[in-house]
PDB file of N, CA and C in Angstrom:
ATOM      1  N   MET A   1       2.596  -3.227 -17.883  1.00  0.00           N
ATOM      2  CA  MET A   1       2.184  -3.300 -16.490  1.00  0.00           C
ATOM      3  C   MET A   1       0.707  -2.971 -16.340  1.00  0.00           C
ATOM      4  N   ALA A   2       0.206  -2.019 -17.123  1.00  0.00           N
ATOM      5  CA  ALA A   2      -1.186  -1.592 -16.984  1.00  0.00           C
ATOM      6  C   ALA A   2      -2.163  -2.738 -17.219  1.00  0.00           C
ATOM      7  N   SER A   3      -1.879  -3.615 -18.182  1.00  0.00           N
ATOM      8  CA  SER A   3      -2.792  -4.738 -18.433  1.00  0.00           C
ATOM      9  C   SER A   3      -2.815  -5.697 -17.259  1.00  0.00           C
ATOM     10  N   THR A   4      -1.707  -5.841 -16.546  1.00  0.00           N
ATOM     11  CA  THR A   4      -1.660  -6.689 -15.353  1.00  0.00           C
ATOM     12  C   THR A   4      -2.493  -6.088 -14.231  1.00  0.00           C
ATOM     13  N   LEU A   5      -2.509  -4.774 -14.128  1.00  0.00           N
ATOM     14  CA  LEU A   5      -3.270  -4.110 -13.068  1.00  0.00           C
ATOM     15  C   LEU A   5      -4.773  -4.284 -13.236  1.00  0.00           C
ATOM     16  N   ASP A   6      -5.252  -4.537 -14.446  1.00  0.00           N
ATOM     17  CA  ASP A   6      -6.686  -4.751 -14.657  1.00  0.00           C
ATOM     18  C   ASP A   6      -7.231  -5.829 -13.733  1.00  0.00           C
ATOM     19  N   SER A   7      -6.464  -6.865 -13.483  1.00  0.00           N
ATOM     20  CA  SER A   7      -6.937  -7.965 -12.634  1.00  0.00           C
ATOM     21  C   SER A   7      -6.982  -7.575 -11.159  1.00  0.00           C
ATOM     22  N   TYR A   8      -6.342  -6.458 -10.776  1.00  0.00           N
ATOM     23  CA  TYR A   8      -6.335  -6.007  -9.381  1.00  0.00           C
ATOM     24  C   TYR A   8      -7.468  -5.019  -9.069  1.00  0.00           C
ATOM     25  N   VAL A   9      -8.156  -4.509 -10.077  1.00  0.00           N
ATOM     26  CA  VAL A   9      -9.221  -3.527  -9.841  1.00  0.00           C
ATOM     27  C   VAL A   9     -10.312  -4.154  -8.969  1.00  0.00           C
ATOM     28  N   ASN A  10     -10.748  -3.386  -7.977  1.00  0.00           N
ATOM     29  CA  ASN A  10     -11.749  -3.783  -6.980  1.00  0.00           C
ATOM     30  C   ASN A  10     -11.259  -4.893  -6.053  1.00  0.00           C
ATOM     31  N   ARG A  11      -9.953  -5.025  -5.924  1.00  0.00           N
ATOM     32  CA  ARG A  11      -9.351  -5.978  -4.990  1.00  0.00           C
ATOM     33  C   ARG A  11      -8.461  -5.215  -4.010  1.00  0.00           C
ATOM     34  N   SER A  12      -8.202  -5.835  -2.863  1.00  0.00           N
ATOM     35  CA  SER A  12      -7.301  -5.238  -1.873  1.00  0.00           C
ATOM     36  C   SER A  12      -5.866  -5.341  -2.350  1.00  0.00           C
ATOM     37  N   VAL A  13      -5.157  -4.223  -2.293  1.00  0.00           N
ATOM     38  CA  VAL A  13      -3.766  -4.187  -2.723  1.00  0.00           C
ATOM     39  C   VAL A  13      -2.896  -3.503  -1.677  1.00  0.00           C
ATOM     40  N   CYS A  14      -1.620  -3.808  -1.745  1.00  0.00           N
ATOM     41  CA  CYS A  14      -0.594  -3.117  -0.977  1.00  0.00           C
ATOM     42  C   CYS A  14       0.260  -2.372  -1.984  1.00  0.00           C
ATOM     43  N   VAL A  15       0.526  -1.100  -1.719  1.00  0.00           N
ATOM     44  CA  VAL A  15       1.353  -0.281  -2.595  1.00  0.00           C
ATOM     45  C   VAL A  15       2.522   0.253  -1.771  1.00  0.00           C
ATOM     46  N   ILE A  16       3.734  -0.025  -2.242  1.00  0.00           N
ATOM     47  CA  ILE A  16       4.943   0.517  -1.626  1.00  0.00           C
ATOM     48  C   ILE A  16       5.445   1.632  -2.537  1.00  0.00           C
ATOM     49  N   THR A  17       5.771   2.774  -1.944  1.00  0.00           N
ATOM     50  CA  THR A  17       6.220   3.921  -2.727  1.00  0.00           C
ATOM     51  C   THR A  17       7.725   4.133  -2.555  1.00  0.00           C
ATOM     52  N   SER A  18       8.296   4.939  -3.433  1.00  0.00           N
ATOM     53  CA  SER A  18       9.741   5.163  -3.418  1.00  0.00           C
ATOM     54  C   SER A  18      10.222   5.886  -2.168  1.00  0.00           C
ATOM     55  N   ASP A  19       9.328   6.534  -1.444  1.00  0.00           N
ATOM     56  CA  ASP A  19       9.723   7.169  -0.189  1.00  0.00           C
ATOM     57  C   ASP A  19       9.519   6.238   1.006  1.00  0.00           C
ATOM     58  N   GLY A  20       9.252   4.950   0.746  1.00  0.00           N
ATOM     59  CA  GLY A  20       9.187   3.942   1.798  1.00  0.00           C
ATOM     60  C   GLY A  20       7.844   3.805   2.481  1.00  0.00           C
ATOM     61  N   ARG A  21       6.805   4.419   1.939  1.00  0.00           N
ATOM     62  CA  ARG A  21       5.482   4.330   2.569  1.00  0.00           C
ATOM     63  C   ARG A  21       4.752   3.083   2.091  1.00  0.00           C
ATOM     64  N   ASN A  22       3.855   2.581   2.943  1.00  0.00           N
ATOM     65  CA  ASN A  22       3.120   1.342   2.703  1.00  0.00           C
ATOM     66  C   ASN A  22       1.624   1.647   2.800  1.00  0.00           C
ATOM     67  N   PHE A  23       0.920   1.565   1.664  1.00  0.00           N
ATOM     68  CA  PHE A  23      -0.505   1.858   1.613  1.00  0.00           C
ATOM     69  C   PHE A  23      -1.286   0.574   1.341  1.00  0.00           C
ATOM     70  N   ILE A  24      -2.416   0.419   2.012  1.00  0.00           N
ATOM     71  CA  ILE A  24      -3.313  -0.710   1.817  1.00  0.00           C
ATOM     72  C   ILE A  24      -4.681  -0.134   1.450  1.00  0.00           C
ATOM     73  N   GLY A  25      -5.335  -0.716   0.438  1.00  0.00           N
ATOM     74  CA  GLY A  25      -6.665  -0.252   0.074  1.00  0.00           C
ATOM     75  C   GLY A  25      -7.219  -1.024  -1.107  1.00  0.00           C
ATOM     76  N   ILE A  26      -8.407  -0.633  -1.547  1.00  0.00           N
ATOM     77  CA  ILE A  26      -9.069  -1.254  -2.691  1.00  0.00           C
ATOM     78  C   ILE A  26      -8.701  -0.452  -3.942  1.00  0.00           C
ATOM     79  N   LEU A  27      -8.058  -1.111  -4.908  1.00  0.00           N
ATOM     80  CA  LEU A  27      -7.691  -0.432  -6.146  1.00  0.00           C
ATOM     81  C   LEU A  27      -8.962  -0.146  -6.946  1.00  0.00           C
ATOM     82  N   LYS A  28      -9.236   1.124  -7.167  1.00  0.00           N
ATOM     83  CA  LYS A  28     -10.431   1.526  -7.906  1.00  0.00           C
ATOM     84  C   LYS A  28     -10.141   1.906  -9.346  1.00  0.00           C
ATOM     85  N   GLY A  29      -8.905   2.318  -9.625  1.00  0.00           N
ATOM     86  CA  GLY A  29      -8.576   2.681 -10.989  1.00  0.00           C
ATOM     87  C   GLY A  29      -7.134   3.102 -11.118  1.00  0.00           C
ATOM     88  N   PHE A  30      -6.704   3.249 -12.372  1.00  0.00           N
ATOM     89  CA  PHE A  30      -5.347   3.670 -12.688  1.00  0.00           C
ATOM     90  C   PHE A  30      -5.341   4.205 -14.112  1.00  0.00           C
ATOM     91  N   ASP A  31      -4.264   4.897 -14.463  1.00  0.00           N
ATOM     92  CA  ASP A  31      -4.140   5.392 -15.830  1.00  0.00           C
ATOM     93  C   ASP A  31      -2.858   4.864 -16.467  1.00  0.00           C
ATOM     94  N   GLN A  32      -2.541   5.362 -17.666  1.00  0.00           N
ATOM     95  CA  GLN A  32      -1.403   4.840 -18.420  1.00  0.00           C
ATOM     96  C   GLN A  32      -0.060   5.128 -17.757  1.00  0.00           C
ATOM     97  N   THR A  33       0.001   6.090 -16.844  1.00  0.00           N
ATOM     98  CA  THR A  33       1.255   6.365 -16.130  1.00  0.00           C
ATOM     99  C   THR A  33       1.261   5.747 -14.736  1.00  0.00           C
ATOM    100  N   ILE A  34       0.338   4.822 -14.497  1.00  0.00           N
ATOM    101  CA  ILE A  34       0.206   4.059 -13.253  1.00  0.00           C
ATOM    102  C   ILE A  34      -0.122   4.950 -12.054  1.00  0.00           C
ATOM    103  N   ASN A  35      -0.747   6.113 -12.286  1.00  0.00           N
ATOM    104  CA  ASN A  35      -1.343   6.845 -11.169  1.00  0.00           C
ATOM    105  C   ASN A  35      -2.455   5.952 -10.636  1.00  0.00           C
ATOM    106  N   LEU A  36      -2.499   5.764  -9.319  1.00  0.00           N
ATOM    107  CA  LEU A  36      -3.446   4.825  -8.714  1.00  0.00           C
ATOM    108  C   LEU A  36      -4.491   5.548  -7.890  1.00  0.00           C
ATOM    109  N   ILE A  37      -5.722   5.035  -7.929  1.00  0.00           N
ATOM    110  CA  ILE A  37      -6.787   5.489  -7.045  1.00  0.00           C
ATOM    111  C   ILE A  37      -7.126   4.307  -6.152  1.00  0.00           C
ATOM    112  N   ILE A  38      -6.929   4.486  -4.837  1.00  0.00           N
ATOM    113  CA  ILE A  38      -7.284   3.430  -3.899  1.00  0.00           C
ATOM    114  C   ILE A  38      -8.312   3.980  -2.919  1.00  0.00           C
ATOM    115  N   ASP A  39      -9.291   3.156  -2.600  1.00  0.00           N
ATOM    116  CA  ASP A  39     -10.384   3.553  -1.710  1.00  0.00           C
ATOM    117  C   ASP A  39     -10.294   2.744  -0.426  1.00  0.00           C
ATOM    118  N   ASP A  40     -10.970   3.243   0.611  1.00  0.00           N
ATOM    119  CA  ASP A  40     -10.984   2.571   1.907  1.00  0.00           C
ATOM    120  C   ASP A  40      -9.547   2.253   2.320  1.00  0.00           C
ATOM    121  N   SER A  41      -8.680   3.251   2.170  1.00  0.00           N
ATOM    122  CA  SER A  41      -7.244   3.012   2.323  1.00  0.00           C
ATOM    123  C   SER A  41      -6.716   3.471   3.675  1.00  0.00           C
ATOM    124  N   HIS A  42      -5.578   2.916   4.012  1.00  0.00           N
ATOM    125  CA  HIS A  42      -4.831   3.341   5.187  1.00  0.00           C
ATOM    126  C   HIS A  42      -3.342   3.152   4.916  1.00  0.00           C
ATOM    127  N   GLU A  43      -2.551   3.906   5.652  1.00  0.00           N
ATOM    128  CA  GLU A  43      -1.103   3.763   5.584  1.00  0.00           C
ATOM    129  C   GLU A  43      -0.646   3.019   6.821  1.00  0.00           C
ATOM    130  N   ARG A  44       0.235   2.044   6.626  1.00  0.00           N
ATOM    131  CA  ARG A  44       0.828   1.324   7.750  1.00  0.00           C
ATOM    132  C   ARG A  44       2.202   1.932   8.018  1.00  0.00           C
ATOM    133  N   VAL A  45       2.364   2.429   9.242  1.00  0.00           N
ATOM    134  CA  VAL A  45       3.614   3.062   9.640  1.00  0.00           C
ATOM    135  C   VAL A  45       4.327   2.112  10.594  1.00  0.00           C
ATOM    136  N   PHE A  46       5.500   1.634  10.170  1.00  0.00           N
ATOM    137  CA  PHE A  46       6.253   0.660  10.945  1.00  0.00           C
ATOM    138  C   PHE A  46       7.230   1.357  11.889  1.00  0.00           C
ATOM    139  N   SER A  47       7.523   0.683  13.015  1.00  0.00           N
ATOM    140  CA  SER A  47       8.437   1.204  14.014  1.00  0.00           C
ATOM    141  C   SER A  47       9.194   0.037  14.641  1.00  0.00           C
ATOM    142  N   SER A  48      10.431   0.269  15.009  1.00  0.00           N
ATOM    143  CA  SER A  48      11.202  -0.785  15.668  1.00  0.00           C
ATOM    144  C   SER A  48      10.924  -0.843  17.161  1.00  0.00           C
ATOM    145  N   THR A  49      10.213   0.147  17.698  1.00  0.00           N
ATOM    146  CA  THR A  49       9.966   0.190  19.144  1.00  0.00           C
ATOM    147  C   THR A  49       8.516  -0.021  19.548  1.00  0.00           C
ATOM    148  N   GLN A  50       7.590   0.117  18.618  1.00  0.00           N
ATOM    149  CA  GLN A  50       6.172  -0.068  18.944  1.00  0.00           C
ATOM    150  C   GLN A  50       5.469  -0.722  17.764  1.00  0.00           C
ATOM    151  N   GLY A  51       4.229  -1.126  17.967  1.00  0.00           N
ATOM    152  CA  GLY A  51       3.472  -1.805  16.919  1.00  0.00           C
ATOM    153  C   GLY A  51       3.217  -0.935  15.704  1.00  0.00           C
ATOM    154  N   VAL A  52       2.654  -1.551  14.688  1.00  0.00           N
ATOM    155  CA  VAL A  52       2.354  -0.860  13.436  1.00  0.00           C
ATOM    156  C   VAL A  52       1.160   0.071  13.645  1.00  0.00           C
ATOM    157  N   GLU A  53       1.343   1.332  13.285  1.00  0.00           N
ATOM    158  CA  GLU A  53       0.255   2.309  13.349  1.00  0.00           C
ATOM    159  C   GLU A  53      -0.450   2.323  11.996  1.00  0.00           C
ATOM    160  N   GLN A  54      -1.787   2.353  12.020  1.00  0.00           N
ATOM    161  CA  GLN A  54      -2.558   2.441  10.784  1.00  0.00           C
ATOM    162  C   GLN A  54      -3.249   3.797  10.734  1.00  0.00           C
ATOM    163  N   VAL A  55      -2.896   4.585   9.739  1.00  0.00           N
ATOM    164  CA  VAL A  55      -3.453   5.922   9.558  1.00  0.00           C
ATOM    165  C   VAL A  55      -4.520   5.835   8.474  1.00  0.00           C
ATOM    166  N   GLN A  56      -5.780   6.072   8.847  1.00  0.00           N
ATOM    167  CA  GLN A  56      -6.893   5.988   7.898  1.00  0.00           C
ATOM    168  C   GLN A  56      -6.824   7.154   6.915  1.00  0.00           C
ATOM    169  N   LEU A  57      -6.992   6.841   5.615  1.00  0.00           N
ATOM    170  CA  LEU A  57      -6.915   7.862   4.568  1.00  0.00           C
ATOM    171  C   LEU A  57      -8.188   7.979   3.739  1.00  0.00           C
ATOM    172  N   GLY A  58      -8.956   6.897   3.632  1.00  0.00           N
ATOM    173  CA  GLY A  58     -10.142   6.918   2.777  1.00  0.00           C
ATOM    174  C   GLY A  58      -9.747   6.807   1.317  1.00  0.00           C
ATOM    175  N   LEU A  59     -10.326   7.654   0.460  1.00  0.00           N
ATOM    176  CA  LEU A  59      -9.992   7.681  -0.964  1.00  0.00           C
ATOM    177  C   LEU A  59      -8.645   8.382  -1.117  1.00  0.00           C
ATOM    178  N   HIS A  60      -7.709   7.737  -1.822  1.00  0.00           N
ATOM    179  CA  HIS A  60      -6.339   8.252  -1.894  1.00  0.00           C
ATOM    180  C   HIS A  60      -5.796   8.063  -3.311  1.00  0.00           C
ATOM    181  N   ILE A  61      -5.035   9.039  -3.786  1.00  0.00           N
ATOM    182  CA  ILE A  61      -4.397   8.957  -5.107  1.00  0.00           C
ATOM    183  C   ILE A  61      -2.894   8.891  -4.904  1.00  0.00           C
ATOM    184  N   ILE A  62      -2.256   7.947  -5.597  1.00  0.00           N
ATOM    185  CA  ILE A  62      -0.804   7.779  -5.515  1.00  0.00           C
ATOM    186  C   ILE A  62      -0.233   8.011  -6.914  1.00  0.00           C
ATOM    187  N   ARG A  63       0.710   8.930  -7.025  1.00  0.00           N
ATOM    188  CA  ARG A  63       1.343   9.220  -8.322  1.00  0.00           C
ATOM    189  C   ARG A  63       2.117   8.019  -8.825  1.00  0.00           C
ATOM    190  N   GLY A  64       1.971   7.744 -10.103  1.00  0.00           N
ATOM    191  CA  GLY A  64       2.615   6.585 -10.708  1.00  0.00           C
ATOM    192  C   GLY A  64       4.122   6.604 -10.647  1.00  0.00           C
ATOM    193  N   ASP A  65       4.733   7.793 -10.737  1.00  0.00           N
ATOM    194  CA  ASP A  65       6.193   7.853 -10.696  1.00  0.00           C
ATOM    195  C   ASP A  65       6.752   7.594  -9.301  1.00  0.00           C
ATOM    196  N   ASN A  66       5.872   7.459  -8.312  1.00  0.00           N
ATOM    197  CA  ASN A  66       6.278   7.174  -6.942  1.00  0.00           C
ATOM    198  C   ASN A  66       6.053   5.703  -6.573  1.00  0.00           C
ATOM    199  N   VAL A  67       5.391   4.937  -7.429  1.00  0.00           N
ATOM    200  CA  VAL A  67       5.053   3.539  -7.125  1.00  0.00           C
ATOM    201  C   VAL A  67       6.257   2.642  -7.389  1.00  0.00           C
ATOM    202  N   VAL A  68       6.590   1.823  -6.391  1.00  0.00           N
ATOM    203  CA  VAL A  68       7.674   0.847  -6.522  1.00  0.00           C
ATOM    204  C   VAL A  68       7.105  -0.549  -6.683  1.00  0.00           C
ATOM    205  N   LEU A  69       6.059  -0.876  -5.919  1.00  0.00           N
ATOM    206  CA  LEU A  69       5.517  -2.229  -5.906  1.00  0.00           C
ATOM    207  C   LEU A  69       4.016  -2.192  -5.658  1.00  0.00           C
ATOM    208  N   ILE A  70       3.285  -3.049  -6.367  1.00  0.00           N
ATOM    209  CA  ILE A  70       1.852  -3.230  -6.146  1.00  0.00           C
ATOM    210  C   ILE A  70       1.620  -4.726  -6.028  1.00  0.00           C
ATOM    211  N   GLY A  71       0.949  -5.132  -4.963  1.00  0.00           N
ATOM    212  CA  GLY A  71       0.649  -6.550  -4.786  1.00  0.00           C
ATOM    213  C   GLY A  71      -0.729  -6.745  -4.200  1.00  0.00           C
ATOM    214  N   GLU A  72      -1.363  -7.856  -4.549  1.00  0.00           N
ATOM    215  CA  GLU A  72      -2.689  -8.162  -4.013  1.00  0.00           C
ATOM    216  C   GLU A  72      -2.551  -8.656  -2.577  1.00  0.00           C
ATOM    217  N   ILE A  73      -3.497  -8.271  -1.734  1.00  0.00           N
ATOM    218  CA  ILE A  73      -3.523  -8.655  -0.326  1.00  0.00           C
ATOM    219  C   ILE A  73      -4.465  -9.841  -0.139  1.00  0.00           C
ATOM    220  N   ASP A  74      -4.034 -10.831   0.603  1.00  0.00           N
ATOM    221  CA  ASP A  74      -4.900 -11.928   1.029  1.00  0.00           C
ATOM    222  C   ASP A  74      -5.618 -11.437   2.283  1.00  0.00           C
ATOM    223  N   ASN A  75      -6.888 -11.023   2.144  1.00  0.00           N
ATOM    224  CA  ASN A  75      -7.621 -10.409   3.260  1.00  0.00           C
ATOM    225  C   ASN A  75      -7.752 -11.333   4.465  1.00  0.00           C
ATOM    226  N   GLU A  76      -7.918 -12.619   4.236  1.00  0.00           N
ATOM    227  CA  GLU A  76      -8.049 -13.559   5.357  1.00  0.00           C
ATOM    228  C   GLU A  76      -6.747 -13.612   6.158  1.00  0.00           C
ATOM    229  N   LEU A  77      -5.646 -13.746   5.470  1.00  0.00           N
ATOM    230  CA  LEU A  77      -4.342 -13.790   6.135  1.00  0.00           C
ATOM    231  C   LEU A  77      -4.036 -12.453   6.803  1.00  0.00           C
ATOM    232  N   ASP A  78      -4.322 -11.358   6.122  1.00  0.00           N
ATOM    233  CA  ASP A  78      -4.057 -10.030   6.663  1.00  0.00           C
ATOM    234  C   ASP A  78      -4.860  -9.768   7.934  1.00  0.00           C
ATOM    235  N   SER A  79      -6.091 -10.250   7.988  1.00  0.00           N
ATOM    236  CA  SER A  79      -6.932 -10.024   9.173  1.00  0.00           C
ATOM    237  C   SER A  79      -6.429 -10.782  10.398  1.00  0.00           C
ATOM    238  N   ARG A  80      -5.608 -11.796  10.193  1.00  0.00           N
ATOM    239  CA  ARG A  80      -5.066 -12.576  11.319  1.00  0.00           C
ATOM    240  C   ARG A  80      -3.787 -11.971  11.891  1.00  0.00           C
ATOM    241  N   LEU A  81      -3.229 -10.971  11.214  1.00  0.00           N
ATOM    242  CA  LEU A  81      -2.015 -10.336  11.720  1.00  0.00           C
ATOM    243  C   LEU A  81      -2.311  -9.518  12.968  1.00  0.00           C
ATOM    244  N   ASN A  82      -1.444  -9.634  13.963  1.00  0.00           N
ATOM    245  CA  ASN A  82      -1.553  -8.793  15.149  1.00  0.00           C
ATOM    246  C   ASN A  82      -0.558  -7.644  14.968  1.00  0.00           C
ATOM    247  N   LEU A  83      -1.025  -6.568  14.355  1.00  0.00           N
ATOM    248  CA  LEU A  83      -0.146  -5.455  14.001  1.00  0.00           C
ATOM    249  C   LEU A  83       0.464  -4.774  15.221  1.00  0.00           C
ATOM    250  N   SER A  84      -0.178  -4.876  16.386  1.00  0.00           N
ATOM    251  CA  SER A  84       0.366  -4.234  17.585  1.00  0.00           C
ATOM    252  C   SER A  84       1.627  -4.935  18.087  1.00  0.00           C
ATOM    253  N   GLU A  85       1.878  -6.154  17.633  1.00  0.00           N
ATOM    254  CA  GLU A  85       3.071  -6.892  18.063  1.00  0.00           C
ATOM    255  C   GLU A  85       4.195  -6.888  17.028  1.00  0.00           C
ATOM    256  N   ILE A  86       3.938  -6.375  15.844  1.00  0.00           N
ATOM    257  CA  ILE A  86       4.946  -6.384  14.786  1.00  0.00           C
ATOM    258  C   ILE A  86       5.884  -5.194  14.970  1.00  0.00           C
ATOM    259  N   ARG A  87       7.189  -5.483  14.974  1.00  0.00           N
ATOM    260  CA  ARG A  87       8.220  -4.454  15.061  1.00  0.00           C
ATOM    261  C   ARG A  87       9.082  -4.555  13.807  1.00  0.00           C
ATOM    262  N   ALA A  88       9.323  -3.438  13.161  1.00  0.00           N
ATOM    263  CA  ALA A  88      10.148  -3.436  11.949  1.00  0.00           C
ATOM    264  C   ALA A  88      10.667  -2.027  11.708  1.00  0.00           C
ATOM    265  N   GLU A  89      11.860  -1.962  11.178  1.00  0.00           N
ATOM    266  CA  GLU A  89      12.414  -0.668  10.773  1.00  0.00           C
ATOM    267  C   GLU A  89      11.608  -0.169   9.573  1.00  0.00           C
ATOM    268  N   PRO A  90      11.280   1.112   9.535  1.00  0.00           N
ATOM    269  CA  PRO A  90      10.616   1.669   8.350  1.00  0.00           C
ATOM    270  C   PRO A  90      11.515   1.505   7.121  1.00  0.00           C
ATOM    271  N   LEU A  91      10.906   1.376   5.947  1.00  0.00           N
ATOM    272  CA  LEU A  91      11.676   1.291   4.706  1.00  0.00           C
ATOM    273  C   LEU A  91      12.357   2.625   4.440  1.00  0.00           C
ATOM    274  N   ALA A  92      13.550   2.553   3.933  1.00  0.00           N
ATOM    275  CA  ALA A  92      14.284   3.783   3.603  1.00  0.00           C
ATOM    276  C   ALA A  92      13.816   4.325   2.255  1.00  0.00           C
ATOM    277  N   GLN A  93      13.985   5.608   2.063  1.00  0.00           N
ATOM    278  CA  GLN A  93      13.649   6.244   0.798  1.00  0.00           C
ATOM    279  C   GLN A  93      14.646   5.802  -0.263  1.00  0.00           C
ATOM    280  N   ILE A  94      14.173   5.653  -1.487  1.00  0.00           N
ATOM    281  CA  ILE A  94      15.044   5.300  -2.601  1.00  0.00           C
ATOM    282  C   ILE A  94      15.729   6.561  -3.110  1.00  0.00           C
ATOM    283  N   HIS A  95      17.043   6.481  -3.280  1.00  0.00           N
ATOM    284  CA  HIS A  95      17.809   7.619  -3.805  1.00  0.00           C
ATOM    285  C   HIS A  95      18.266   7.287  -5.211  1.00  0.00           C
ATOM    286  N   HIS A  96      18.015   8.171  -6.132  1.00  0.00           N
ATOM    287  CA  HIS A  96      18.393   7.948  -7.541  1.00  0.00           C
ATOM    288  C   HIS A  96      19.739   8.550  -7.835  1.00  0.00           C
TER     289      HIS A  96
END
């Protein structure tokens, strides 16, 4: 997996964690256990009753054992989203 992440460095990524959180930011680095460093980051908090809240975080570290999914973001498509109109149930935490 680490060799695949090399192509994501300095690109916008979305990271979903095992506790159901959704982080967006620029992948700046990672290590062999997939600990991630993302910059210019924010967390998107989903709600079924109101729009998506974006919590600014700046430079953020995500533990590798908490990462479920990493994907590249299409910035052009993402900028066209009207997050205030999106309603969705938050992701549930993964239970082992």
